[in-house]
Amino acid sequence: MHLDLSTVEAFVLTHDLRSFTQAAEAIGVTQAAISLKVSRLEKALNRRLLNRTPRSIQLSPDGEAFLPRARTLLAAQQLALAEVEHTSRKLRLGISDHVAGPELPGVLDKIKTYDPGLVISVRVGASHELLAEYDREELDVAIVRSEKHRRDAELLFEDRYGWFADLSMRTRADPMPLVTVDDACGIRGNAIRLLAQENIAWLDSFIGGGVSTALYAAAAGIGVAPLPVRLAAARLIDVGELFQLPPLPNVEMVMYSRWMDARTRESLRILAGAFRGVALTRLA
């Protein structure tokens, strides 16, 4: 039996990106083409690999068994191509800490599976800092919060935000202790503006350290943090309604990217699809 590696790639991408549509966008084909490729693979193996429902795509037991073998096949193909090309391609990637969550290592690992010849350097930081570095051409790609005055980005997903605090906080202090990422953070600016509009007194109880540190500070009971819903830890609850706080607006997360070769561009589409898939799953 001979396997068409494009059908193997379609299967792995559909699983990793949790969507036939996202998988199709990643490699520039139609959704019907991706679905057909997966069906052809299942027919060749005489096994159902994916259980499909209107709301989700899950691995079948046979799919779980075949997935690591499929990854090995794709990695072997990419390594062979890299050896033939004798080229080392680099991607300087900046990711906002409002985007980067616990899934980030897994997302990057998937890209290495698809494109082991791509050398990725990653910087995680504040959106405004990363966008400035991108404009100075110090980054090839920046995945950051949308700047409304710019139109040169690709929308990845829309983040919902909430006011998060530890389970032990049941009443709003006056002034309300506020936990934010840094002084220049746009999310902090929005939060302060909304609090001022509602005449809600606040004080800075914790500033700095990035989103992960803000999560720890909120979980320690230090204060209330405006954070993405999908990143909220188990000990945190959204106290917006309880404390009668103004709703925080949704935030568009976008990707800025420069010209790059076709192969790197394909890996970038897979990266974008992976982030979309993670975000949609966590927000569901």
C-alpha atoms as a PDB file:
ATOM      1  CA  MET A   1       0.000   0.000   0.000  1.00  0.00           C
ATOM      2  CA  HIS A   2       1.229   3.496  -0.903  1.00  0.00           C
ATOM      3  CA  LEU A   3      -0.007   6.569   0.957  1.00  0.00           C
ATOM      4  CA  ASP A   4      -0.440   9.964  -0.640  1.00  0.00           C
ATOM      5  CA  LEU A   5       1.359  12.242   1.826  1.00  0.00           C
ATOM      6  CA  SER A   6      -0.960  15.126   0.947  1.00  0.00           C
ATOM      7  CA  THR A   7      -3.818  13.106   2.436  1.00  0.00           C
ATOM      8  CA  VAL A   8      -1.748  12.457   5.571  1.00  0.00           C
ATOM      9  CA  GLU A   9      -1.041  16.197   5.846  1.00  0.00           C
ATOM     10  CA  ALA A  10      -4.750  16.972   5.450  1.00  0.00           C
ATOM     11  CA  PHE A  11      -5.601  14.588   8.296  1.00  0.00           C
ATOM     12  CA  VAL A  12      -2.973  16.006  10.666  1.00  0.00           C
ATOM     13  CA  LEU A  13      -3.836  19.616   9.859  1.00  0.00           C
ATOM     14  CA  THR A  14      -7.556  19.020  10.350  1.00  0.00           C
ATOM     15  CA  HIS A  15      -6.854  17.519  13.761  1.00  0.00           C
ATOM     16  CA  ASP A  16      -4.340  20.172  14.821  1.00  0.00           C
ATOM     17  CA  LEU A  17      -6.433  23.120  13.659  1.00  0.00           C
ATOM     18  CA  ARG A  18      -9.713  21.517  14.798  1.00  0.00           C
ATOM     19  CA  SER A  19     -11.421  22.508  11.565  1.00  0.00           C
ATOM     20  CA  PHE A  20     -11.637  21.466   7.907  1.00  0.00           C
ATOM     21  CA  THR A  21     -11.997  25.158   7.053  1.00  0.00           C
ATOM     22  CA  GLN A  22      -8.846  26.217   8.927  1.00  0.00           C
ATOM     23  CA  ALA A  23      -6.886  23.317   7.450  1.00  0.00           C
ATOM     24  CA  ALA A  24      -8.021  24.321   3.956  1.00  0.00           C
ATOM     25  CA  GLU A  25      -6.959  27.941   4.504  1.00  0.00           C
ATOM     26  CA  ALA A  26      -3.568  26.828   5.817  1.00  0.00           C
ATOM     27  CA  ILE A  27      -2.594  25.103   2.561  1.00  0.00           C
ATOM     28  CA  GLY A  28      -4.633  27.202   0.174  1.00  0.00           C
ATOM     29  CA  VAL A  29      -7.305  24.739  -0.979  1.00  0.00           C
ATOM     30  CA  THR A  30     -11.056  24.448  -0.531  1.00  0.00           C
ATOM     31  CA  GLN A  31     -12.766  22.864   2.435  1.00  0.00           C
ATOM     32  CA  ALA A  32     -14.226  20.236   0.116  1.00  0.00           C
ATOM     33  CA  ALA A  33     -10.716  19.340  -1.076  1.00  0.00           C
ATOM     34  CA  ILE A  34      -9.476  18.829   2.485  1.00  0.00           C
ATOM     35  CA  SER A  35     -12.498  16.687   3.353  1.00  0.00           C
ATOM     36  CA  LEU A  36     -11.946  14.602   0.230  1.00  0.00           C
ATOM     37  CA  LYS A  37      -8.274  14.058   1.078  1.00  0.00           C
ATOM     38  CA  VAL A  38      -9.132  12.842   4.587  1.00  0.00           C
ATOM     39  CA  SER A  39     -11.783  10.528   3.166  1.00  0.00           C
ATOM     40  CA  ARG A  40      -9.268   9.133   0.663  1.00  0.00           C
ATOM     41  CA  LEU A  41      -6.814   8.431   3.478  1.00  0.00           C
ATOM     42  CA  GLU A  42      -9.489   6.693   5.533  1.00  0.00           C
ATOM     43  CA  LYS A  43     -10.414   4.602   2.509  1.00  0.00           C
ATOM     44  CA  ALA A  44      -6.763   3.674   1.849  1.00  0.00           C
ATOM     45  CA  LEU A  45      -6.293   2.615   5.489  1.00  0.00           C
ATOM     46  CA  ASN A  46      -9.777   1.109   5.742  1.00  0.00           C
ATOM     47  CA  ARG A  47     -10.133   2.952   9.051  1.00  0.00           C
ATOM     48  CA  ARG A  48     -12.219   5.902  10.255  1.00  0.00           C
ATOM     49  CA  LEU A  49      -9.730   8.408  11.622  1.00  0.00           C
ATOM     50  CA  LEU A  50     -11.977  11.339  12.514  1.00  0.00           C
ATOM     51  CA  ASN A  51     -15.403  11.424  14.106  1.00  0.00           C
ATOM     52  CA  ARG A  52     -17.244  14.386  12.620  1.00  0.00           C
ATOM     53  CA  THR A  53     -20.174  16.238  14.187  1.00  0.00           C
ATOM     54  CA  PRO A  54     -21.640  19.653  13.306  1.00  0.00           C
ATOM     55  CA  ARG A  55     -19.843  21.179  16.305  1.00  0.00           C
ATOM     56  CA  SER A  56     -16.572  19.300  16.581  1.00  0.00           C
ATOM     57  CA  ILE A  57     -13.989  17.026  15.019  1.00  0.00           C
ATOM     58  CA  GLN A  58     -12.522  14.325  17.260  1.00  0.00           C
ATOM     59  CA  LEU A  59     -10.002  11.565  16.730  1.00  0.00           C
ATOM     60  CA  SER A  60     -11.411   8.060  16.598  1.00  0.00           C
ATOM     61  CA  PRO A  61      -9.454   5.316  18.393  1.00  0.00           C
ATOM     62  CA  ASP A  62      -7.856   4.409  15.038  1.00  0.00           C
ATOM     63  CA  GLY A  63      -7.095   8.088  14.471  1.00  0.00           C
ATOM     64  CA  GLU A  64      -5.333   8.337  17.827  1.00  0.00           C
ATOM     65  CA  ALA A  65      -3.207   5.329  16.935  1.00  0.00           C
ATOM     66  CA  PHE A  66      -2.334   6.660  13.473  1.00  0.00           C
ATOM     67  CA  LEU A  67      -1.622  10.307  14.437  1.00  0.00           C
ATOM     68  CA  PRO A  68       1.966   9.859  15.752  1.00  0.00           C
ATOM     69  CA  ARG A  69       2.819   7.740  12.706  1.00  0.00           C
ATOM     70  CA  ALA A  70       1.366  10.425  10.453  1.00  0.00           C
ATOM     71  CA  ARG A  71       3.540  13.059  12.122  1.00  0.00           C
ATOM     72  CA  THR A  72       6.603  10.860  11.630  1.00  0.00           C
ATOM     73  CA  LEU A  73       5.816  10.514   7.907  1.00  0.00           C
ATOM     74  CA  LEU A  74       5.440  14.273   7.458  1.00  0.00           C
ATOM     75  CA  ALA A  75       8.595  15.050   9.444  1.00  0.00           C
ATOM     76  CA  ALA A  76      10.603  12.588   7.346  1.00  0.00           C
ATOM     77  CA  GLN A  77       9.361  14.248   4.162  1.00  0.00           C
ATOM     78  CA  GLN A  78      10.255  17.730   5.382  1.00  0.00           C
ATOM     79  CA  LEU A  79      13.718  16.650   6.543  1.00  0.00           C
ATOM     80  CA  ALA A  80      14.392  15.075   3.153  1.00  0.00           C
ATOM     81  CA  LEU A  81      13.359  18.293   1.404  1.00  0.00           C
ATOM     82  CA  ALA A  82      15.506  20.394   3.721  1.00  0.00           C
ATOM     83  CA  GLU A  83      18.564  18.246   2.994  1.00  0.00           C
ATOM     84  CA  VAL A  84      18.008  18.589  -0.747  1.00  0.00           C
ATOM     85  CA  GLU A  85      17.535  22.364  -0.566  1.00  0.00           C
ATOM     86  CA  HIS A  86      20.546  22.951   1.741  1.00  0.00           C
ATOM     87  CA  THR A  87      18.932  26.140   2.975  1.00  0.00           C
ATOM     88  CA  SER A  88      18.179  27.401   6.441  1.00  0.00           C
ATOM     89  CA  ARG A  89      15.166  29.677   6.659  1.00  0.00           C
ATOM     90  CA  LYS A  90      14.558  31.920   9.649  1.00  0.00           C
ATOM     91  CA  LEU A  91      11.409  33.441  11.105  1.00  0.00           C
ATOM     92  CA  ARG A  92      11.539  36.163  13.753  1.00  0.00           C
ATOM     93  CA  LEU A  93       8.198  35.938  15.511  1.00  0.00           C
ATOM     94  CA  GLY A  94       6.735  38.336  18.057  1.00  0.00           C
ATOM     95  CA  ILE A  95       3.674  37.230  20.055  1.00  0.00           C
ATOM     96  CA  SER A  96       1.695  39.410  22.432  1.00  0.00           C
ATOM     97  CA  ASP A  97       1.518  37.998  25.926  1.00  0.00           C
ATOM     98  CA  HIS A  98      -2.252  38.492  25.635  1.00  0.00           C
ATOM     99  CA  VAL A  99      -2.149  35.853  22.865  1.00  0.00           C
ATOM    100  CA  ALA A 100       0.496  33.494  24.185  1.00  0.00           C
ATOM    101  CA  GLY A 101      -1.073  30.993  26.571  1.00  0.00           C
ATOM    102  CA  PRO A 102      -0.123  27.584  27.900  1.00  0.00           C
ATOM    103  CA  GLU A 103      -0.695  26.095  24.435  1.00  0.00           C
ATOM    104  CA  LEU A 104       2.149  28.120  22.857  1.00  0.00           C
ATOM    105  CA  PRO A 105       4.865  25.410  23.155  1.00  0.00           C
ATOM    106  CA  GLY A 106       2.515  22.888  21.551  1.00  0.00           C
ATOM    107  CA  VAL A 107       1.670  25.273  18.704  1.00  0.00           C
ATOM    108  CA  LEU A 108       5.350  25.906  17.978  1.00  0.00           C
ATOM    109  CA  ASP A 109       6.101  22.193  18.164  1.00  0.00           C
ATOM    110  CA  LYS A 110       3.477  21.536  15.488  1.00  0.00           C
ATOM    111  CA  ILE A 111       5.144  24.053  13.174  1.00  0.00           C
ATOM    112  CA  LYS A 112       8.485  22.279  13.667  1.00  0.00           C
ATOM    113  CA  THR A 113       6.810  19.027  12.667  1.00  0.00           C
ATOM    114  CA  TYR A 114       5.531  20.522   9.416  1.00  0.00           C
ATOM    115  CA  ASP A 115       8.669  22.518   8.660  1.00  0.00           C
ATOM    116  CA  PRO A 116      11.758  21.295  10.552  1.00  0.00           C
ATOM    117  CA  GLY A 117      14.007  23.396   8.311  1.00  0.00           C
ATOM    118  CA  LEU A 118      12.471  26.611   9.631  1.00  0.00           C
ATOM    119  CA  VAL A 119      14.441  28.218  12.461  1.00  0.00           C
ATOM    120  CA  ILE A 120      12.026  30.192  14.640  1.00  0.00           C
ATOM    121  CA  SER A 121      13.045  32.793  17.200  1.00  0.00           C
ATOM    122  CA  VAL A 122      10.203  33.948  19.435  1.00  0.00           C
ATOM    123  CA  ARG A 123       9.771  37.081  21.483  1.00  0.00           C
ATOM    124  CA  VAL A 124       6.775  37.404  23.818  1.00  0.00           C
ATOM    125  CA  GLY A 125       5.950  40.903  24.987  1.00  0.00           C
ATOM    126  CA  ALA A 126       3.535  43.811  24.988  1.00  0.00           C
ATOM    127  CA  SER A 127       1.650  44.507  21.773  1.00  0.00           C
ATOM    128  CA  HIS A 128       2.853  48.102  21.409  1.00  0.00           C
ATOM    129  CA  GLU A 129       6.498  47.066  21.851  1.00  0.00           C
ATOM    130  CA  LEU A 130       6.262  44.212  19.365  1.00  0.00           C
ATOM    131  CA  LEU A 131       4.524  46.342  16.754  1.00  0.00           C
ATOM    132  CA  ALA A 132       7.282  48.961  17.073  1.00  0.00           C
ATOM    133  CA  GLU A 133       9.899  46.234  16.563  1.00  0.00           C
ATOM    134  CA  TYR A 134       7.984  44.975  13.525  1.00  0.00           C
ATOM    135  CA  ASP A 135       7.924  48.480  12.040  1.00  0.00           C
ATOM    136  CA  ARG A 136      11.703  48.717  12.615  1.00  0.00           C
ATOM    137  CA  GLU A 137      12.007  45.402  10.701  1.00  0.00           C
ATOM    138  CA  GLU A 138      13.372  43.617  13.759  1.00  0.00           C
ATOM    139  CA  LEU A 139      10.533  41.068  13.504  1.00  0.00           C
ATOM    140  CA  ASP A 140       9.162  39.241  10.458  1.00  0.00           C
ATOM    141  CA  VAL A 141       5.794  38.527  12.061  1.00  0.00           C
ATOM    142  CA  ALA A 142       3.914  40.184  14.910  1.00  0.00           C
ATOM    143  CA  ILE A 143       0.793  38.644  16.466  1.00  0.00           C
ATOM    144  CA  VAL A 144      -0.636  41.462  18.553  1.00  0.00           C
ATOM    145  CA  ARG A 145      -3.684  43.436  19.594  1.00  0.00           C
ATOM    146  CA  SER A 146      -5.317  45.293  16.695  1.00  0.00           C
ATOM    147  CA  GLU A 147      -4.521  48.944  16.139  1.00  0.00           C
ATOM    148  CA  LYS A 148      -7.691  50.466  14.681  1.00  0.00           C
ATOM    149  CA  HIS A 149      -5.801  53.043  12.598  1.00  0.00           C
ATOM    150  CA  ARG A 150      -3.888  50.324  10.704  1.00  0.00           C
ATOM    151  CA  ARG A 151      -5.264  48.119   7.954  1.00  0.00           C
ATOM    152  CA  ASP A 152      -2.202  46.015   7.079  1.00  0.00           C
ATOM    153  CA  ALA A 153      -2.978  43.027   9.328  1.00  0.00           C
ATOM    154  CA  GLU A 154      -4.821  39.715   9.109  1.00  0.00           C
ATOM    155  CA  LEU A 155      -7.521  39.098  11.706  1.00  0.00           C
ATOM    156  CA  LEU A 156      -6.877  35.920  13.708  1.00  0.00           C
ATOM    157  CA  PHE A 157      -9.640  35.937  16.329  1.00  0.00           C
ATOM    158  CA  GLU A 158     -11.583  38.171  18.689  1.00  0.00           C
ATOM    159  CA  ASP A 159     -10.856  37.902  22.395  1.00  0.00           C
ATOM    160  CA  ARG A 160     -13.477  38.349  25.101  1.00  0.00           C
ATOM    161  CA  TYR A 161     -12.270  40.106  28.249  1.00  0.00           C
ATOM    162  CA  GLY A 162     -13.513  40.033  31.820  1.00  0.00           C
ATOM    163  CA  TRP A 163     -12.693  41.429  35.264  1.00  0.00           C
ATOM    164  CA  PHE A 164     -11.014  38.533  37.083  1.00  0.00           C
ATOM    165  CA  ALA A 165     -10.305  38.078  40.770  1.00  0.00           C
ATOM    166  CA  ASP A 166      -9.678  35.294  43.256  1.00  0.00           C
ATOM    167  CA  LEU A 167     -12.621  33.232  44.497  1.00  0.00           C
ATOM    168  CA  SER A 168     -12.165  34.756  47.954  1.00  0.00           C
ATOM    169  CA  MET A 169     -13.023  38.290  46.739  1.00  0.00           C
ATOM    170  CA  ARG A 170     -16.782  38.643  47.213  1.00  0.00           C
ATOM    171  CA  THR A 171     -17.093  42.418  47.662  1.00  0.00           C
ATOM    172  CA  ARG A 172     -15.587  45.328  45.788  1.00  0.00           C
ATOM    173  CA  ALA A 173     -13.183  47.387  47.837  1.00  0.00           C
ATOM    174  CA  ASP A 174     -13.314  51.181  47.599  1.00  0.00           C
ATOM    175  CA  PRO A 175     -11.069  52.095  45.909  1.00  0.00           C
ATOM    176  CA  MET A 176     -10.881  48.877  43.899  1.00  0.00           C
ATOM    177  CA  PRO A 177      -7.368  47.330  43.730  1.00  0.00           C
ATOM    178  CA  LEU A 178      -6.373  46.945  40.079  1.00  0.00           C
ATOM    179  CA  VAL A 179      -3.907  44.442  38.588  1.00  0.00           C
ATOM    180  CA  THR A 180      -2.531  45.316  35.132  1.00  0.00           C
ATOM    181  CA  VAL A 181       0.277  44.223  32.835  1.00  0.00           C
ATOM    182  CA  ASP A 182       2.156  47.522  32.420  1.00  0.00           C
ATOM    183  CA  ASP A 183       1.651  51.291  32.359  1.00  0.00           C
ATOM    184  CA  ALA A 184       1.454  51.491  28.561  1.00  0.00           C
ATOM    185  CA  CYS A 185      -0.834  48.478  28.065  1.00  0.00           C
ATOM    186  CA  GLY A 186      -3.857  49.293  25.907  1.00  0.00           C
ATOM    187  CA  ILE A 187      -6.047  46.946  27.969  1.00  0.00           C
ATOM    188  CA  ARG A 188      -5.098  48.891  31.100  1.00  0.00           C
ATOM    189  CA  GLY A 189      -5.982  52.148  29.319  1.00  0.00           C
ATOM    190  CA  ASN A 190      -9.412  50.813  28.343  1.00  0.00           C
ATOM    191  CA  ALA A 191     -10.079  49.518  31.860  1.00  0.00           C
ATOM    192  CA  ILE A 192      -9.152  52.808  33.537  1.00  0.00           C
ATOM    193  CA  ARG A 193     -11.245  54.824  31.067  1.00  0.00           C
ATOM    194  CA  LEU A 194     -14.309  52.629  31.665  1.00  0.00           C
ATOM    195  CA  LEU A 195     -13.899  52.813  35.449  1.00  0.00           C
ATOM    196  CA  ALA A 196     -13.656  56.603  35.241  1.00  0.00           C
ATOM    197  CA  GLN A 197     -16.825  56.796  33.132  1.00  0.00           C
ATOM    198  CA  GLU A 198     -18.687  54.871  35.849  1.00  0.00           C
ATOM    199  CA  ASN A 199     -17.105  56.939  38.661  1.00  0.00           C
ATOM    200  CA  ILE A 200     -15.578  53.813  40.181  1.00  0.00           C
ATOM    201  CA  ALA A 201     -12.558  54.605  42.333  1.00  0.00           C
ATOM    202  CA  TRP A 202      -9.501  52.383  41.851  1.00  0.00           C
ATOM    203  CA  LEU A 203      -5.851  52.136  42.842  1.00  0.00           C
ATOM    204  CA  ASP A 204      -2.880  50.307  41.382  1.00  0.00           C
ATOM    205  CA  SER A 205      -2.216  47.222  43.483  1.00  0.00           C
ATOM    206  CA  PHE A 206       0.050  45.461  40.986  1.00  0.00           C
ATOM    207  CA  ILE A 207       1.652  46.540  37.689  1.00  0.00           C
ATOM    208  CA  GLY A 208       4.051  44.673  35.413  1.00  0.00           C
ATOM    209  CA  GLY A 209       5.416  41.233  34.673  1.00  0.00           C
ATOM    210  CA  GLY A 210       3.179  40.316  31.754  1.00  0.00           C
ATOM    211  CA  VAL A 211      -0.119  38.482  31.580  1.00  0.00           C
ATOM    212  CA  SER A 212       1.079  35.349  33.363  1.00  0.00           C
ATOM    213  CA  THR A 213       2.252  37.418  36.330  1.00  0.00           C
ATOM    214  CA  ALA A 214      -1.041  39.338  36.366  1.00  0.00           C
ATOM    215  CA  LEU A 215      -2.849  36.004  36.507  1.00  0.00           C
ATOM    216  CA  TYR A 216      -0.797  34.951  39.525  1.00  0.00           C
ATOM    217  CA  ALA A 217      -1.364  38.315  41.227  1.00  0.00           C
ATOM    218  CA  ALA A 218      -5.130  38.118  40.730  1.00  0.00           C
ATOM    219  CA  ALA A 219      -5.173  34.502  41.958  1.00  0.00           C
ATOM    220  CA  ALA A 220      -3.283  35.607  45.075  1.00  0.00           C
ATOM    221  CA  GLY A 221      -6.116  37.991  45.916  1.00  0.00           C
ATOM    222  CA  ILE A 222      -4.074  41.139  45.293  1.00  0.00           C
ATOM    223  CA  GLY A 223      -6.705  42.751  43.096  1.00  0.00           C
ATOM    224  CA  VAL A 224      -8.960  42.636  40.044  1.00  0.00           C
ATOM    225  CA  ALA A 225      -7.373  42.100  36.631  1.00  0.00           C
ATOM    226  CA  PRO A 226      -8.829  42.800  33.157  1.00  0.00           C
ATOM    227  CA  LEU A 227      -7.815  39.630  31.311  1.00  0.00           C
ATOM    228  CA  PRO A 228      -8.767  37.458  28.314  1.00  0.00           C
ATOM    229  CA  VAL A 229     -11.489  34.978  29.257  1.00  0.00           C
ATOM    230  CA  ARG A 230      -9.637  32.119  27.552  1.00  0.00           C
ATOM    231  CA  LEU A 231      -6.534  32.606  29.731  1.00  0.00           C
ATOM    232  CA  ALA A 232      -8.273  32.816  33.099  1.00  0.00           C
ATOM    233  CA  ALA A 233      -6.968  30.258  35.591  1.00  0.00           C
ATOM    234  CA  ALA A 234      -9.169  27.867  37.559  1.00  0.00           C
ATOM    235  CA  ARG A 235      -9.069  29.891  40.807  1.00  0.00           C
ATOM    236  CA  LEU A 236     -10.238  33.057  39.072  1.00  0.00           C
ATOM    237  CA  ILE A 237     -13.818  34.185  38.589  1.00  0.00           C
ATOM    238  CA  ASP A 238     -15.237  37.004  36.484  1.00  0.00           C
ATOM    239  CA  VAL A 239     -16.448  39.524  39.089  1.00  0.00           C
ATOM    240  CA  GLY A 240     -17.684  42.080  36.563  1.00  0.00           C
ATOM    241  CA  GLU A 241     -21.368  41.552  37.274  1.00  0.00           C
ATOM    242  CA  LEU A 242     -20.870  40.921  40.996  1.00  0.00           C
ATOM    243  CA  PHE A 243     -18.904  44.170  41.432  1.00  0.00           C
ATOM    244  CA  GLN A 244     -21.096  46.096  38.945  1.00  0.00           C
ATOM    245  CA  LEU A 245     -18.123  46.868  36.707  1.00  0.00           C
ATOM    246  CA  PRO A 246     -18.548  48.136  33.129  1.00  0.00           C
ATOM    247  CA  PRO A 247     -18.253  45.447  30.412  1.00  0.00           C
ATOM    248  CA  LEU A 248     -14.866  45.318  28.745  1.00  0.00           C
ATOM    249  CA  PRO A 249     -14.903  45.478  24.928  1.00  0.00           C
ATOM    250  CA  ASN A 250     -13.797  42.534  22.818  1.00  0.00           C
ATOM    251  CA  VAL A 251     -10.278  42.842  21.410  1.00  0.00           C
ATOM    252  CA  GLU A 252      -9.221  41.796  17.921  1.00  0.00           C
ATOM    253  CA  MET A 253      -5.938  39.864  17.773  1.00  0.00           C
ATOM    254  CA  VAL A 254      -4.213  40.237  14.416  1.00  0.00           C
ATOM    255  CA  MET A 255      -1.096  39.162  12.552  1.00  0.00           C
ATOM    256  CA  TYR A 256       1.308  41.480  10.730  1.00  0.00           C
ATOM    257  CA  SER A 257       3.738  39.759   8.363  1.00  0.00           C
ATOM    258  CA  ARG A 258       6.353  40.661   5.777  1.00  0.00           C
ATOM    259  CA  TRP A 259       7.076  39.112   2.418  1.00  0.00           C
ATOM    260  CA  MET A 260       8.551  35.626   2.714  1.00  0.00           C
ATOM    261  CA  ASP A 261       9.124  32.587   0.536  1.00  0.00           C
ATOM    262  CA  ALA A 262       6.186  30.340  -0.324  1.00  0.00           C
ATOM    263  CA  ARG A 263       7.205  27.532   2.023  1.00  0.00           C
ATOM    264  CA  THR A 264       7.612  29.801   5.040  1.00  0.00           C
ATOM    265  CA  ARG A 265       4.337  31.498   4.163  1.00  0.00           C
ATOM    266  CA  GLU A 266       2.612  28.095   4.258  1.00  0.00           C
ATOM    267  CA  SER A 267       4.047  27.411   7.711  1.00  0.00           C
ATOM    268  CA  LEU A 268       2.842  30.832   8.795  1.00  0.00           C
ATOM    269  CA  ARG A 269      -0.691  30.005   7.633  1.00  0.00           C
ATOM    270  CA  ILE A 270      -0.547  26.829   9.710  1.00  0.00           C
ATOM    271  CA  LEU A 271       0.662  28.859  12.709  1.00  0.00           C
ATOM    272  CA  ALA A 272      -2.215  31.330  12.281  1.00  0.00           C
ATOM    273  CA  GLY A 273      -4.696  28.475  11.973  1.00  0.00           C
ATOM    274  CA  ALA A 274      -3.337  26.856  15.120  1.00  0.00           C
ATOM    275  CA  PHE A 275      -3.837  30.063  17.115  1.00  0.00           C
ATOM    276  CA  ARG A 276      -7.362  30.443  15.739  1.00  0.00           C
ATOM    277  CA  GLY A 277      -8.153  26.856  16.676  1.00  0.00           C
ATOM    278  CA  VAL A 278      -6.832  27.200  20.223  1.00  0.00           C
ATOM    279  CA  ALA A 279      -8.680  30.468  20.766  1.00  0.00           C
ATOM    280  CA  LEU A 280     -11.998  29.157  19.452  1.00  0.00           C
ATOM    281  CA  THR A 281     -11.704  26.003  21.564  1.00  0.00           C
ATOM    282  CA  ARG A 282     -10.937  27.925  24.766  1.00  0.00           C
ATOM    283  CA  LEU A 283     -13.752  30.400  24.101  1.00  0.00           C
ATOM    284  CA  ALA A 284     -16.345  27.731  23.291  1.00  0.00           C
END
